[in-house]
Amino acid sequence: MHRLIAKRSVHAAAVTPMIAIFAKTGFESSLAAALALGVLSWLVVDRLILCLGSPSVAVLCDGALAFSFLWFIADVMNWPFGLGELLATSAATAFLGWGWHRLLDRSAHEAAAEPAKKRPPA
């Protein structure tokens, strides 16, 4: 659960300003879109695709999911998102996903490398 909150926070901090600047929207709608993207990314990419594939595949899916989600939201909300702006925001999201999966991969290796603590004899 803490990973969901952390991923949402990262998306909110990094993607919200990009959406607000590129789409010329208010802070609240940009924050809502970034948080929804973070939840969707966590559910689809981290919980499903990362389990079935490698971190590289997950990073590509993070970018593709961000592109398609933001394109859909921009169309529904009538935001003036251009193709270059969509690509820049998706690339930033993919870069964040790369760092996120690299961090998760490192913490998983460190947890596996820790020796099991022995219990003292009773």
N, C-alpha and C. Protein backbone atom coordinates (compact mmCIF):
# COMPACT_ATOMS: atom_id res chain seq x y z
N MET A 1 0.82 -1.19 0.00
CA MET A 1 0.00 0.00 0.00
C MET A 1 0.86 1.26 0.00
N HIS A 2 2.00 1.19 0.70
CA HIS A 2 2.86 2.38 0.73
C HIS A 2 3.47 2.67 -0.63
N ARG A 3 3.62 1.64 -1.48
CA ARG A 3 4.14 1.88 -2.82
C ARG A 3 3.13 2.62 -3.68
N LEU A 4 1.84 2.33 -3.48
CA LEU A 4 0.80 3.06 -4.21
C LEU A 4 0.84 4.53 -3.82
N ILE A 5 0.92 4.81 -2.55
CA ILE A 5 0.96 6.20 -2.09
C ILE A 5 2.21 6.90 -2.60
N ALA A 6 3.34 6.20 -2.56
CA ALA A 6 4.59 6.80 -3.04
C ALA A 6 4.53 7.07 -4.54
N LYS A 7 3.98 6.13 -5.31
CA LYS A 7 3.91 6.33 -6.76
C LYS A 7 2.95 7.47 -7.09
N ARG A 8 1.84 7.56 -6.37
CA ARG A 8 0.91 8.66 -6.60
C ARG A 8 1.55 9.99 -6.26
N SER A 9 2.34 10.02 -5.22
CA SER A 9 3.02 11.26 -4.83
C SER A 9 4.04 11.69 -5.87
N VAL A 10 4.77 10.73 -6.40
CA VAL A 10 5.76 11.04 -7.44
C VAL A 10 5.07 11.57 -8.68
N HIS A 11 4.00 10.91 -9.09
CA HIS A 11 3.26 11.39 -10.26
C HIS A 11 2.67 12.77 -10.02
N ALA A 12 2.14 12.97 -8.82
CA ALA A 12 1.54 14.27 -8.51
C ALA A 12 2.57 15.38 -8.54
N ALA A 13 3.76 15.11 -8.00
CA ALA A 13 4.79 16.15 -7.94
C ALA A 13 5.40 16.46 -9.31
N ALA A 14 5.54 15.46 -10.15
CA ALA A 14 6.24 15.66 -11.41
C ALA A 14 5.32 15.93 -12.59
N VAL A 15 4.19 15.27 -12.64
CA VAL A 15 3.34 15.35 -13.82
C VAL A 15 2.33 16.50 -13.73
N THR A 16 1.91 16.85 -12.53
CA THR A 16 0.92 17.92 -12.37
C THR A 16 1.37 19.25 -12.99
N PRO A 17 2.60 19.71 -12.73
CA PRO A 17 3.01 20.98 -13.37
C PRO A 17 3.07 20.88 -14.88
N MET A 18 3.47 19.73 -15.39
CA MET A 18 3.55 19.58 -16.85
C MET A 18 2.16 19.65 -17.47
N ILE A 19 1.19 18.98 -16.85
CA ILE A 19 -0.17 19.03 -17.36
C ILE A 19 -0.72 20.44 -17.26
N ALA A 20 -0.49 21.09 -16.13
CA ALA A 20 -1.01 22.45 -15.93
C ALA A 20 -0.43 23.44 -16.94
N ILE A 21 0.85 23.31 -17.23
CA ILE A 21 1.49 24.24 -18.17
C ILE A 21 1.11 23.92 -19.61
N PHE A 22 1.21 22.65 -19.99
CA PHE A 22 0.95 22.28 -21.38
C PHE A 22 -0.52 22.38 -21.75
N ALA A 23 -1.41 21.95 -20.85
CA ALA A 23 -2.83 21.94 -21.17
C ALA A 23 -3.53 23.23 -20.77
N LYS A 24 -2.80 24.13 -20.12
CA LYS A 24 -3.38 25.40 -19.68
C LYS A 24 -4.64 25.19 -18.85
N THR A 25 -4.48 24.34 -17.82
CA THR A 25 -5.60 24.02 -16.94
C THR A 25 -5.29 24.51 -15.53
N GLY A 26 -6.26 24.35 -14.67
CA GLY A 26 -6.06 24.72 -13.27
C GLY A 26 -5.30 23.64 -12.52
N PHE A 27 -4.89 24.00 -11.31
CA PHE A 27 -4.11 23.07 -10.49
C PHE A 27 -4.93 21.84 -10.10
N GLU A 28 -6.20 22.04 -9.76
CA GLU A 28 -7.03 20.94 -9.27
C GLU A 28 -7.24 19.88 -10.33
N SER A 29 -7.58 20.28 -11.55
CA SER A 29 -7.81 19.29 -12.61
C SER A 29 -6.52 18.61 -13.03
N SER A 30 -5.41 19.35 -13.00
CA SER A 30 -4.12 18.74 -13.32
C SER A 30 -3.72 17.73 -12.26
N LEU A 31 -3.95 18.08 -11.00
CA LEU A 31 -3.64 17.16 -9.91
C LEU A 31 -4.51 15.91 -9.98
N ALA A 32 -5.79 16.09 -10.27
CA ALA A 32 -6.69 14.94 -10.39
C ALA A 32 -6.26 14.01 -11.52
N ALA A 33 -5.86 14.58 -12.65
CA ALA A 33 -5.40 13.76 -13.77
C ALA A 33 -4.10 13.03 -13.42
N ALA A 34 -3.18 13.72 -12.75
CA ALA A 34 -1.90 13.10 -12.38
C ALA A 34 -2.11 11.99 -11.35
N LEU A 35 -2.99 12.19 -10.39
CA LEU A 35 -3.26 11.15 -9.40
C LEU A 35 -3.97 9.95 -10.04
N ALA A 36 -4.89 10.22 -10.94
CA ALA A 36 -5.56 9.11 -11.64
C ALA A 36 -4.56 8.33 -12.50
N LEU A 37 -3.65 9.04 -13.14
CA LEU A 37 -2.60 8.37 -13.91
C LEU A 37 -1.71 7.54 -13.01
N GLY A 38 -1.38 8.05 -11.83
CA GLY A 38 -0.55 7.29 -10.89
C GLY A 38 -1.22 6.02 -10.42
N VAL A 39 -2.52 6.10 -10.11
CA VAL A 39 -3.25 4.91 -9.67
C VAL A 39 -3.37 3.90 -10.81
N LEU A 40 -3.72 4.38 -12.00
CA LEU A 40 -3.84 3.49 -13.15
C LEU A 40 -2.51 2.84 -13.49
N SER A 41 -1.45 3.61 -13.42
CA SER A 41 -0.11 3.07 -13.68
C SER A 41 0.27 2.02 -12.65
N TRP A 42 -0.03 2.27 -11.40
CA TRP A 42 0.29 1.30 -10.36
C TRP A 42 -0.50 0.01 -10.55
N LEU A 43 -1.79 0.14 -10.86
CA LEU A 43 -2.63 -1.05 -11.03
C LEU A 43 -2.23 -1.87 -12.25
N VAL A 44 -2.07 -1.19 -13.38
CA VAL A 44 -1.82 -1.91 -14.63
C VAL A 44 -0.35 -2.31 -14.77
N VAL A 45 0.55 -1.36 -14.57
CA VAL A 45 1.96 -1.63 -14.85
C VAL A 45 2.64 -2.35 -13.70
N ASP A 46 2.52 -1.81 -12.49
CA ASP A 46 3.26 -2.39 -11.37
C ASP A 46 2.67 -3.70 -10.88
N ARG A 47 1.36 -3.81 -10.88
CA ARG A 47 0.73 -5.01 -10.34
C ARG A 47 0.54 -6.11 -11.38
N LEU A 48 0.46 -5.76 -12.66
CA LEU A 48 0.18 -6.76 -13.69
C LEU A 48 1.37 -6.98 -14.62
N ILE A 49 1.79 -5.94 -15.30
CA ILE A 49 2.81 -6.10 -16.34
C ILE A 49 4.18 -6.40 -15.75
N LEU A 50 4.52 -5.77 -14.64
CA LEU A 50 5.83 -6.02 -14.03
C LEU A 50 5.95 -7.45 -13.54
N CYS A 51 4.84 -8.04 -13.11
CA CYS A 51 4.86 -9.44 -12.68
C CYS A 51 5.04 -10.39 -13.85
N LEU A 52 4.56 -10.00 -15.02
CA LEU A 52 4.63 -10.87 -16.19
C LEU A 52 5.85 -10.62 -17.06
N GLY A 53 6.43 -9.44 -16.97
CA GLY A 53 7.54 -9.10 -17.84
C GLY A 53 8.69 -8.49 -17.07
N SER A 54 9.58 -7.89 -17.81
CA SER A 54 10.77 -7.29 -17.22
C SER A 54 10.52 -5.81 -16.90
N PRO A 55 11.42 -5.19 -16.15
CA PRO A 55 11.27 -3.76 -15.88
C PRO A 55 11.32 -2.90 -17.15
N SER A 56 12.04 -3.35 -18.16
CA SER A 56 12.10 -2.59 -19.42
C SER A 56 10.73 -2.54 -20.09
N VAL A 57 10.04 -3.66 -20.08
CA VAL A 57 8.69 -3.71 -20.64
C VAL A 57 7.75 -2.83 -19.82
N ALA A 58 7.92 -2.83 -18.52
CA ALA A 58 7.09 -2.01 -17.64
C ALA A 58 7.30 -0.52 -17.91
N VAL A 59 8.53 -0.12 -18.18
CA VAL A 59 8.82 1.29 -18.47
C VAL A 59 8.16 1.70 -19.78
N LEU A 60 8.25 0.86 -20.80
CA LEU A 60 7.60 1.16 -22.07
C LEU A 60 6.09 1.24 -21.90
N CYS A 61 5.54 0.36 -21.11
CA CYS A 61 4.10 0.38 -20.85
C CYS A 61 3.70 1.60 -20.04
N ASP A 62 4.56 2.05 -19.13
CA ASP A 62 4.30 3.29 -18.38
C ASP A 62 4.15 4.47 -19.34
N GLY A 63 5.07 4.58 -20.27
CA GLY A 63 5.01 5.67 -21.25
C GLY A 63 3.81 5.58 -22.16
N ALA A 64 3.52 4.37 -22.65
CA ALA A 64 2.37 4.17 -23.54
C ALA A 64 1.05 4.43 -22.81
N LEU A 65 0.98 3.98 -21.56
CA LEU A 65 -0.23 4.21 -20.77
C LEU A 65 -0.42 5.70 -20.51
N ALA A 66 0.66 6.40 -20.18
CA ALA A 66 0.56 7.84 -19.94
C ALA A 66 0.11 8.58 -21.20
N PHE A 67 0.68 8.20 -22.34
CA PHE A 67 0.31 8.84 -23.60
C PHE A 67 -1.17 8.63 -23.90
N SER A 68 -1.64 7.38 -23.82
CA SER A 68 -3.03 7.09 -24.16
C SER A 68 -4.00 7.70 -23.14
N PHE A 69 -3.65 7.64 -21.85
CA PHE A 69 -4.52 8.21 -20.82
C PHE A 69 -4.63 9.72 -20.97
N LEU A 70 -3.50 10.39 -21.15
CA LEU A 70 -3.53 11.85 -21.28
C LEU A 70 -4.20 12.28 -22.58
N TRP A 71 -4.05 11.51 -23.63
CA TRP A 71 -4.73 11.81 -24.88
C TRP A 71 -6.25 11.71 -24.67
N PHE A 72 -6.69 10.65 -23.99
CA PHE A 72 -8.11 10.47 -23.72
C PHE A 72 -8.64 11.60 -22.84
N ILE A 73 -7.93 11.91 -21.75
CA ILE A 73 -8.38 12.96 -20.84
C ILE A 73 -8.39 14.32 -21.54
N ALA A 74 -7.39 14.58 -22.36
CA ALA A 74 -7.34 15.86 -23.08
C ALA A 74 -8.51 15.97 -24.05
N ASP A 75 -8.88 14.86 -24.67
CA ASP A 75 -10.01 14.88 -25.59
C ASP A 75 -11.33 15.08 -24.85
N VAL A 76 -11.51 14.39 -23.75
CA VAL A 76 -12.75 14.50 -22.98
C VAL A 76 -12.89 15.89 -22.35
N MET A 77 -11.80 16.41 -21.81
CA MET A 77 -11.85 17.71 -21.11
C MET A 77 -11.61 18.90 -22.03
N ASN A 78 -11.38 18.65 -23.32
CA ASN A 78 -11.10 19.71 -24.31
C ASN A 78 -9.88 20.54 -23.93
N TRP A 79 -8.82 19.85 -23.50
CA TRP A 79 -7.57 20.52 -23.19
C TRP A 79 -6.76 20.67 -24.47
N PRO A 80 -6.07 21.79 -24.65
CA PRO A 80 -5.27 21.99 -25.86
C PRO A 80 -3.90 21.31 -25.78
N PHE A 81 -3.91 20.00 -25.66
CA PHE A 81 -2.67 19.22 -25.59
C PHE A 81 -2.21 18.92 -27.00
N GLY A 82 -0.99 19.32 -27.36
CA GLY A 82 -0.43 18.99 -28.66
C GLY A 82 0.31 17.66 -28.59
N LEU A 83 0.68 17.15 -29.75
CA LEU A 83 1.37 15.87 -29.81
C LEU A 83 2.74 15.94 -29.13
N GLY A 84 3.47 17.01 -29.35
CA GLY A 84 4.78 17.17 -28.70
C GLY A 84 4.66 17.25 -27.20
N GLU A 85 3.64 17.92 -26.73
CA GLU A 85 3.43 18.04 -25.29
C GLU A 85 3.04 16.69 -24.68
N LEU A 86 2.20 15.94 -25.41
CA LEU A 86 1.86 14.60 -24.95
C LEU A 86 3.09 13.70 -24.89
N LEU A 87 3.92 13.79 -25.91
CA LEU A 87 5.14 12.97 -25.94
C LEU A 87 6.10 13.37 -24.83
N ALA A 88 6.22 14.66 -24.55
CA ALA A 88 7.12 15.11 -23.49
C ALA A 88 6.63 14.64 -22.13
N THR A 89 5.33 14.74 -21.87
CA THR A 89 4.77 14.30 -20.60
C THR A 89 4.87 12.78 -20.46
N SER A 90 4.63 12.07 -21.56
CA SER A 90 4.75 10.60 -21.53
C SER A 90 6.19 10.17 -21.32
N ALA A 91 7.12 10.87 -21.94
CA ALA A 91 8.54 10.54 -21.75
C ALA A 91 8.96 10.80 -20.31
N ALA A 92 8.47 11.89 -19.73
CA ALA A 92 8.78 12.17 -18.32
C ALA A 92 8.18 11.08 -17.42
N THR A 93 6.98 10.64 -17.74
CA THR A 93 6.36 9.58 -16.95
C THR A 93 7.13 8.27 -17.11
N ALA A 94 7.59 7.97 -18.32
CA ALA A 94 8.38 6.76 -18.54
C ALA A 94 9.70 6.84 -17.79
N PHE A 95 10.31 8.02 -17.77
CA PHE A 95 11.56 8.21 -17.03
C PHE A 95 11.33 8.01 -15.53
N LEU A 96 10.24 8.56 -15.02
CA LEU A 96 9.88 8.33 -13.61
C LEU A 96 9.64 6.85 -13.35
N GLY A 97 8.98 6.19 -14.28
CA GLY A 97 8.75 4.75 -14.14
C GLY A 97 10.06 3.97 -14.15
N TRP A 98 11.00 4.40 -14.98
CA TRP A 98 12.31 3.74 -15.02
C TRP A 98 12.99 3.85 -13.66
N GLY A 99 12.99 5.06 -13.10
CA GLY A 99 13.58 5.23 -11.78
C GLY A 99 12.85 4.47 -10.71
N TRP A 100 11.53 4.44 -10.81
CA TRP A 100 10.71 3.72 -9.85
C TRP A 100 11.01 2.22 -9.88
N HIS A 101 11.06 1.63 -11.08
CA HIS A 101 11.32 0.19 -11.19
C HIS A 101 12.76 -0.14 -10.83
N ARG A 102 13.66 0.78 -11.10
CA ARG A 102 15.06 0.57 -10.70
C ARG A 102 15.18 0.58 -9.18
N LEU A 103 14.46 1.48 -8.52
CA LEU A 103 14.45 1.54 -7.06
C LEU A 103 13.83 0.27 -6.48
N LEU A 104 12.73 -0.19 -7.05
CA LEU A 104 12.09 -1.41 -6.57
C LEU A 104 12.98 -2.62 -6.78
N ASP A 105 13.65 -2.66 -7.94
CA ASP A 105 14.53 -3.78 -8.24
C ASP A 105 15.70 -3.80 -7.25
N ARG A 106 16.25 -2.64 -6.94
CA ARG A 106 17.36 -2.57 -6.00
C ARG A 106 16.93 -3.00 -4.60
N SER A 107 15.75 -2.54 -4.15
CA SER A 107 15.30 -2.91 -2.81
C SER A 107 14.96 -4.40 -2.74
N ALA A 108 14.49 -4.99 -3.84
CA ALA A 108 14.21 -6.43 -3.85
C ALA A 108 15.50 -7.23 -3.77
N HIS A 109 16.55 -6.77 -4.47
CA HIS A 109 17.84 -7.47 -4.40
C HIS A 109 18.47 -7.34 -3.02
N GLU A 110 18.34 -6.17 -2.40
CA GLU A 110 18.90 -5.99 -1.07
C GLU A 110 18.18 -6.84 -0.04
N ALA A 111 16.88 -6.98 -0.20
CA ALA A 111 16.11 -7.80 0.73
C ALA A 111 16.47 -9.27 0.57
N ALA A 112 16.71 -9.70 -0.65
CA ALA A 112 17.07 -11.10 -0.89
C ALA A 112 18.50 -11.39 -0.44
N ALA A 113 19.37 -10.38 -0.45
CA ALA A 113 20.77 -10.59 -0.10
C ALA A 113 21.01 -10.59 1.41
N GLU A 114 20.06 -10.07 2.18
CA GLU A 114 20.24 -10.05 3.63
C GLU A 114 20.25 -11.47 4.17
N PRO A 115 21.24 -11.78 4.99
CA PRO A 115 21.24 -13.13 5.56
C PRO A 115 20.11 -13.26 6.58
N ALA A 116 19.62 -14.46 6.67
CA ALA A 116 18.54 -14.72 7.63
C ALA A 116 19.14 -14.64 9.04
N LYS A 117 18.44 -13.95 9.89
CA LYS A 117 18.91 -13.81 11.26
C LYS A 117 18.60 -15.10 12.01
N LYS A 118 19.62 -15.57 12.70
CA LYS A 118 19.45 -16.82 13.45
C LYS A 118 18.89 -16.53 14.82
N ARG A 119 18.07 -17.40 15.27
CA ARG A 119 17.51 -17.28 16.62
C ARG A 119 18.50 -17.83 17.62
N PRO A 120 18.59 -17.19 18.75
CA PRO A 120 19.48 -17.73 19.77
C PRO A 120 18.90 -19.04 20.32
N PRO A 121 19.77 -19.94 20.72
CA PRO A 121 19.26 -21.22 21.25
C PRO A 121 18.44 -20.98 22.51
N ALA A 122 17.40 -21.76 22.62
CA ALA A 122 16.48 -21.59 23.78
C ALA A 122 16.95 -22.35 24.98
